[in-house]
Amino acid sequence: MLDGLKRMDKVVGIKQARKAAEANMLESLIIAGDADLRVVGQLKQLCEQRGIPVHMADSMKQLGKAAGIDVGASVVGILANKKEN
């Protein structure tokens, strides 16, 4: 799941992922295994209610590195591809 994450259209962080989920723009959500559940719990629940798959990464450090940032990330949202007519 984390392979190729740098090249994917994504949002990093809880606020951006929540906005994307509320706008039905997320294909899936990745949560770091060591992220504080009090912080990510509502976002996880929102995604589950909307049928957005939720995946787990080992750590915030691993998820941040896979996303191409120099710090840890508690969540990364993978954006759905926009289909043109």
Protein backbone atom coordinates (compact mmCIF):
# COMPACT_ATOMS: atom_id res chain seq x y z
CA MET A 1 0.00 0.00 0.00
CA LEU A 2 2.82 2.42 0.81
CA ASP A 3 4.78 1.66 -2.35
CA GLY A 4 4.37 4.50 -4.81
CA LEU A 5 2.57 6.75 -2.31
CA LYS A 6 4.90 9.63 -3.22
CA ARG A 7 3.57 9.62 -6.79
CA MET A 8 -0.12 9.42 -5.86
CA ASP A 9 -2.48 12.35 -5.48
CA LYS A 10 -2.88 12.63 -1.73
CA VAL A 11 -3.53 14.80 1.27
CA VAL A 12 -1.43 14.61 4.41
CA GLY A 13 -2.75 15.31 7.88
CA ILE A 14 -6.02 15.04 9.71
CA LYS A 15 -7.56 18.38 8.71
CA GLN A 16 -6.88 17.94 4.99
CA ALA A 17 -7.98 14.30 5.01
CA ARG A 18 -11.21 15.20 6.83
CA LYS A 19 -12.00 17.92 4.28
CA ALA A 20 -11.37 15.49 1.41
CA ALA A 21 -13.52 12.78 3.05
CA GLU A 22 -16.39 15.21 3.62
CA ALA A 23 -16.17 16.25 -0.05
CA ASN A 24 -16.21 12.58 -1.16
CA MET A 25 -12.76 12.97 -2.69
CA LEU A 26 -10.96 10.13 -0.87
CA GLU A 27 -10.30 6.75 -2.41
CA SER A 28 -8.79 5.40 0.82
CA LEU A 29 -7.22 6.46 4.10
CA ILE A 30 -3.99 5.25 5.68
CA ILE A 31 -3.57 5.66 9.45
CA ALA A 32 -0.28 5.25 11.29
CA GLY A 33 -0.40 2.48 13.86
CA ASP A 34 1.15 4.71 16.51
CA ALA A 35 -1.17 7.67 15.90
CA ASP A 36 -3.26 8.79 18.88
CA LEU A 37 -6.75 7.27 18.50
CA ARG A 38 -8.28 10.28 20.23
CA VAL A 39 -6.98 12.33 17.31
CA VAL A 40 -7.67 10.02 14.35
CA GLY A 41 -10.69 8.15 15.70
CA GLN A 42 -13.37 10.52 14.39
CA LEU A 43 -11.78 10.60 10.93
CA LYS A 44 -11.58 6.80 10.86
CA GLN A 45 -15.24 6.58 11.84
CA LEU A 46 -16.23 9.13 9.17
CA CYS A 47 -14.43 7.13 6.49
CA GLU A 48 -15.99 3.85 7.62
CA GLN A 49 -19.46 5.44 7.52
CA ARG A 50 -18.83 6.69 3.98
CA GLY A 51 -17.46 3.35 2.79
CA ILE A 52 -13.90 4.64 2.35
CA PRO A 53 -11.37 1.83 2.94
CA VAL A 54 -9.09 2.41 5.93
CA HIS A 55 -5.60 0.87 5.97
CA MET A 56 -2.94 0.87 8.66
CA ALA A 57 0.78 1.70 8.41
CA ASP A 58 3.32 0.62 11.02
CA SER A 59 4.30 4.07 12.25
CA MET A 60 3.95 7.81 11.71
CA LYS A 61 7.61 7.96 10.67
CA GLN A 62 7.11 5.25 8.02
CA LEU A 63 3.92 6.88 6.72
CA GLY A 64 5.53 10.32 6.50
CA LYS A 65 8.53 8.94 4.65
CA ALA A 66 6.30 7.02 2.21
CA ALA A 67 4.31 10.21 1.58
CA GLY A 68 7.51 12.10 0.77
CA ILE A 69 7.63 14.42 3.77
CA ASP A 70 10.44 14.84 6.29
CA VAL A 71 8.27 14.41 9.39
CA GLY A 72 5.86 11.76 10.62
CA ALA A 73 2.27 11.71 9.43
CA SER A 74 -0.65 10.38 11.43
CA VAL A 75 -2.87 10.01 8.34
CA VAL A 76 -2.58 10.18 4.57
CA GLY A 77 -5.64 10.26 2.35
CA ILE A 78 -5.35 8.95 -1.19
CA LEU A 79 -7.45 11.08 -3.50
CA ALA A 80 -9.85 9.46 -5.93
CA ASN A 81 -9.08 9.91 -9.61
CA LYS A 82 -11.35 12.43 -11.26
CA LYS A 83 -13.12 10.95 -14.25
CA GLU A 84 -13.65 13.17 -17.24
CA ASN A 85 -16.65 12.80 -19.53
